[in-house]
Amino acid sequence: MLDDKTKEEVKKKLKELKNPVTLVVFTQDGLVQVPGLECEMCKDNRLLMEEIAALSDKINIEVYDFVKDKEKVQQYKIDKIPATVVKGESDKGIRIFGIPSGYEFAALLNAIDIVSSGESGLTDVTKEKLKAVSKPVHIQVFITLTCPYCSSAVAMAHRMALENNTITADMVNAQEFPQLTQKYNVFAVPKVIINETLQFEGSLPEDMFLSNVEKSLGVLT
């Protein structure tokens, strides 16, 4: 999945990891085909995650079958595949649905980095406001692999999830999940949906992204 040059660059970056990270991969057993659940990119996504895990002794990988491993599917609340949970000592709600290749490879590396360090890189003001969030927040960021601005929107959502356990942030590959693309009228990316009620397009600055999270909760900003 990765050429030799890319592997060397990623390996250097991963040397800076502070704490262990686990990639929890949900996929589909090639021998078991369930009508309506065919997953074209599951094999490639699994191979990519295995290659990345092999580049650092700080990265572990767990692989589960979406159909067979119901307990794990329920534990991580996975509703579609391919799916990858990026977690440290605990699950911080950072999810990737679809293969994170192309421009979105940067979003995967960012997720690994912030989970390992435990540092979101957000401002103190944003951190304080996120601490006050007590209701569940579900952020979905729809992307395409050719979108140069999408990875920054994904990174912002993942950073906010790292700061508060009530926040779950999903990267969703629009091309792999056309039923969701149609449901949410995704005509341009990145498109962000928060709690099914608030939507916006584009990669917003930190303060504006936070403002939308607060609006989705009915907080006046």
Protein backbone atom coordinates (compact mmCIF):
# COMPACT_ATOMS: atom_id res chain seq x y z
CA MET A 1 0.00 0.00 0.00
CA LEU A 2 2.92 2.36 0.74
CA ASP A 3 5.99 2.76 -1.43
CA ASP A 4 9.46 2.56 0.12
CA LYS A 5 9.98 6.33 0.18
CA THR A 6 6.67 6.94 1.94
CA LYS A 7 7.40 4.16 4.43
CA GLU A 8 10.69 5.79 5.39
CA GLU A 9 9.05 9.21 5.83
CA VAL A 10 6.25 7.75 7.95
CA LYS A 11 8.71 5.71 10.01
CA LYS A 12 10.65 8.87 10.88
CA LYS A 13 7.47 10.64 11.91
CA LEU A 14 6.33 7.71 14.04
CA LYS A 15 9.61 7.69 15.95
CA GLU A 16 8.34 10.80 17.74
CA LEU A 17 5.35 8.95 19.23
CA LYS A 18 5.20 9.28 23.00
CA ASN A 19 2.70 6.64 24.15
CA PRO A 20 1.32 3.46 22.55
CA VAL A 21 -1.52 3.71 20.05
CA THR A 22 -3.87 0.93 18.97
CA LEU A 23 -5.52 0.81 15.57
CA VAL A 24 -8.77 -1.12 15.99
CA VAL A 25 -9.77 -2.20 12.50
CA PHE A 26 -13.22 -3.46 11.56
CA THR A 27 -13.32 -5.32 8.30
CA GLN A 28 -14.99 -8.16 6.42
CA ASP A 29 -13.81 -11.74 6.22
CA GLY A 30 -13.22 -12.46 2.55
CA LEU A 31 -14.84 -15.87 2.94
CA VAL A 32 -18.07 -14.50 4.33
CA GLN A 33 -20.17 -12.32 2.03
CA VAL A 34 -23.38 -10.89 3.43
CA PRO A 35 -25.77 -9.38 0.83
CA GLY A 36 -25.84 -5.63 1.20
CA LEU A 37 -22.62 -5.57 3.25
CA GLU A 38 -20.04 -6.05 0.51
CA CYS A 39 -16.98 -4.02 1.41
CA GLU A 40 -14.73 -3.29 -1.55
CA MET A 41 -12.09 -1.33 0.38
CA CYS A 42 -11.93 -3.49 3.52
CA LYS A 43 -8.92 -5.50 2.37
CA ASP A 44 -6.95 -2.42 1.30
CA ASN A 45 -7.77 -0.60 4.53
CA ARG A 46 -6.62 -3.54 6.62
CA LEU A 47 -3.39 -3.85 4.64
CA LEU A 48 -2.71 -0.14 5.05
CA MET A 49 -3.19 -0.30 8.82
CA GLU A 50 -1.01 -3.39 9.08
CA GLU A 51 1.78 -1.66 7.15
CA ILE A 52 1.61 1.40 9.41
CA ALA A 53 1.63 -0.74 12.56
CA ALA A 54 4.73 -2.51 11.28
CA LEU A 55 6.60 0.80 11.09
CA SER A 56 6.56 1.52 14.83
CA ASP A 57 6.77 -0.53 18.01
CA LYS A 58 4.44 2.05 19.57
CA ILE A 59 1.55 1.05 17.29
CA ASN A 60 -0.54 -2.04 17.92
CA ILE A 61 -3.31 -3.37 15.73
CA GLU A 62 -6.49 -5.30 16.48
CA VAL A 63 -8.61 -6.65 13.64
CA TYR A 64 -12.27 -7.62 14.00
CA ASP A 65 -14.86 -8.94 11.59
CA PHE A 66 -17.94 -6.72 11.33
CA VAL A 67 -20.30 -9.70 11.12
CA LYS A 68 -18.65 -12.17 13.48
CA ASP A 69 -17.34 -9.94 16.28
CA LYS A 70 -20.63 -8.45 17.43
CA GLU A 71 -19.42 -7.68 20.94
CA LYS A 72 -16.58 -5.49 19.66
CA VAL A 73 -18.85 -3.86 17.08
CA GLN A 74 -21.23 -2.87 19.86
CA GLN A 75 -18.44 -1.80 22.20
CA TYR A 76 -17.06 0.69 19.68
CA LYS A 77 -20.48 1.48 18.16
CA ILE A 78 -19.39 0.70 14.61
CA ASP A 79 -22.20 0.85 12.03
CA LYS A 80 -20.28 0.62 8.74
CA ILE A 81 -16.99 -0.69 7.32
CA PRO A 82 -14.15 -0.32 6.68
CA ALA A 83 -13.71 1.36 10.04
CA THR A 84 -10.66 2.22 12.10
CA VAL A 85 -10.68 3.39 15.71
CA VAL A 86 -7.52 5.23 16.77
CA LYS A 87 -7.18 4.83 20.53
CA GLY A 88 -4.61 5.13 23.27
CA GLU A 89 -5.01 3.90 26.80
CA SER A 90 -8.70 4.71 26.41
CA ASP A 91 -11.08 5.28 23.52
CA LYS A 92 -11.36 9.01 22.75
CA GLY A 93 -14.03 8.69 20.08
CA ILE A 94 -11.72 9.10 17.08
CA ARG A 95 -13.08 7.19 14.09
CA ILE A 96 -12.14 6.77 10.43
CA PHE A 97 -14.71 5.25 8.07
CA GLY A 98 -13.27 4.34 4.69
CA ILE A 99 -9.67 4.04 3.65
CA PRO A 100 -7.60 7.14 4.57
CA SER A 101 -5.43 7.33 1.49
CA GLY A 102 -4.70 10.28 -0.77
CA TYR A 103 -4.88 13.59 1.08
CA GLU A 104 -6.60 11.84 3.99
CA PHE A 105 -3.48 9.90 4.91
CA ALA A 106 -2.42 13.06 6.73
CA ALA A 107 -5.60 12.90 8.82
CA LEU A 108 -4.72 9.36 9.93
CA LEU A 109 -1.18 10.36 10.90
CA ASN A 110 -2.54 13.36 12.81
CA ALA A 111 -4.96 11.13 14.72
CA ILE A 112 -2.15 8.76 15.67
CA ASP A 113 0.02 11.68 16.75
CA ILE A 114 -2.51 13.42 19.01
CA VAL A 115 -3.68 10.18 20.60
CA SER A 116 -0.09 9.22 21.36
CA SER A 117 0.85 12.61 22.80
CA GLY A 118 -2.48 13.28 24.51
CA GLU A 119 -2.18 16.84 23.25
CA SER A 120 -4.83 18.21 20.90
CA GLY A 121 -2.96 21.39 20.02
CA LEU A 122 -6.13 23.44 20.55
CA THR A 123 -6.01 26.81 22.31
CA ASP A 124 -6.62 27.04 26.05
CA VAL A 125 -9.83 28.96 25.38
CA THR A 126 -11.19 26.15 23.21
CA LYS A 127 -10.13 23.51 25.72
CA GLU A 128 -11.98 25.28 28.53
CA LYS A 129 -15.15 25.61 26.46
CA LEU A 130 -14.99 21.94 25.45
CA LYS A 131 -14.69 20.92 29.10
CA ALA A 132 -18.12 22.43 29.66
CA VAL A 133 -19.72 20.13 27.08
CA SER A 134 -21.70 17.47 28.95
CA LYS A 135 -24.11 16.27 26.27
CA PRO A 136 -23.13 13.79 23.53
CA VAL A 137 -21.71 15.38 20.38
CA HIS A 138 -21.37 13.38 17.17
CA ILE A 139 -19.29 15.06 14.47
CA GLN A 140 -19.21 13.56 10.97
CA VAL A 141 -16.76 15.02 8.45
CA PHE A 142 -17.44 13.89 4.89
CA ILE A 143 -14.37 13.89 2.66
CA THR A 144 -13.00 12.67 -0.64
CA LEU A 145 -9.47 11.41 -1.15
CA THR A 146 -8.71 14.17 -3.67
CA CYS A 147 -9.77 17.05 -1.40
CA PRO A 148 -6.75 19.06 -0.15
CA TYR A 149 -8.77 20.87 2.54
CA CYS A 150 -10.58 17.88 4.02
CA SER A 151 -7.78 16.54 6.20
CA SER A 152 -7.62 19.77 8.20
CA ALA A 153 -11.37 19.60 8.89
CA VAL A 154 -11.01 15.99 10.01
CA ALA A 155 -8.05 16.90 12.21
CA MET A 156 -10.05 19.67 13.90
CA ALA A 157 -12.90 17.28 14.70
CA HIS A 158 -10.51 14.64 16.01
CA ARG A 159 -8.74 17.21 18.20
CA MET A 160 -12.03 18.20 19.79
CA ALA A 161 -12.91 14.56 20.44
CA LEU A 162 -9.58 14.12 22.21
CA GLU A 163 -10.51 16.89 24.65
CA ASN A 164 -13.89 15.55 25.74
CA ASN A 165 -15.13 11.97 26.11
CA THR A 166 -18.67 12.97 25.19
CA ILE A 167 -17.50 13.94 21.68
CA THR A 168 -17.16 11.39 18.88
CA ALA A 169 -15.58 12.51 15.62
CA ASP A 170 -15.85 10.50 12.39
CA MET A 171 -14.05 10.90 9.12
CA VAL A 172 -16.40 9.50 6.47
CA ASN A 173 -15.24 8.82 2.92
CA ALA A 174 -18.16 10.11 0.86
CA GLN A 175 -17.26 7.92 -2.12
CA GLU A 176 -17.38 4.70 -0.11
CA PHE A 177 -20.69 5.43 1.60
CA PRO A 178 -22.98 6.80 -1.15
CA GLN A 179 -26.12 6.15 0.90
CA LEU A 180 -24.89 8.60 3.54
CA THR A 181 -23.75 11.06 0.89
CA GLN A 182 -27.30 11.07 -0.44
CA LYS A 183 -28.88 11.23 3.03
CA TYR A 184 -26.91 14.33 4.02
CA ASN A 185 -26.92 15.95 0.55
CA VAL A 186 -23.15 16.02 0.31
CA PHE A 187 -22.41 17.99 -2.86
CA ALA A 188 -19.16 19.61 -1.70
CA VAL A 189 -16.46 18.54 0.75
CA PRO A 190 -15.48 18.82 3.46
CA LYS A 191 -19.02 18.74 4.76
CA VAL A 192 -19.53 18.57 8.52
CA ILE A 193 -22.67 17.31 10.23
CA ILE A 194 -23.00 17.75 14.01
CA ASN A 195 -25.63 15.82 15.94
CA GLU A 196 -27.68 15.37 12.77
CA THR A 197 -28.99 18.92 13.13
CA LEU A 198 -26.26 21.36 12.14
CA GLN A 199 -24.34 21.30 8.87
CA PHE A 200 -21.64 23.39 7.23
CA GLU A 201 -19.17 23.10 4.40
CA GLY A 202 -15.50 23.96 4.31
CA SER A 203 -12.52 23.76 6.64
CA LEU A 204 -13.30 26.35 9.31
CA PRO A 205 -10.89 28.01 11.76
CA GLU A 206 -10.87 26.61 15.29
CA ASP A 207 -13.10 29.27 16.83
CA MET A 208 -15.75 28.97 14.11
CA PHE A 209 -15.74 25.17 14.28
CA LEU A 210 -16.20 25.37 18.04
CA SER A 211 -19.01 27.88 17.62
CA ASN A 212 -20.88 25.37 15.46
CA VAL A 213 -20.39 22.63 18.05
CA GLU A 214 -21.88 24.94 20.68
CA LYS A 215 -24.78 25.93 18.40
CA SER A 216 -25.61 22.26 17.88
CA LEU A 217 -26.06 22.03 21.64
CA GLY A 218 -28.17 25.15 21.83
CA VAL A 219 -25.42 27.24 23.38
CA LEU A 220 -25.50 30.92 22.45
CA THR A 221 -22.12 32.18 21.23
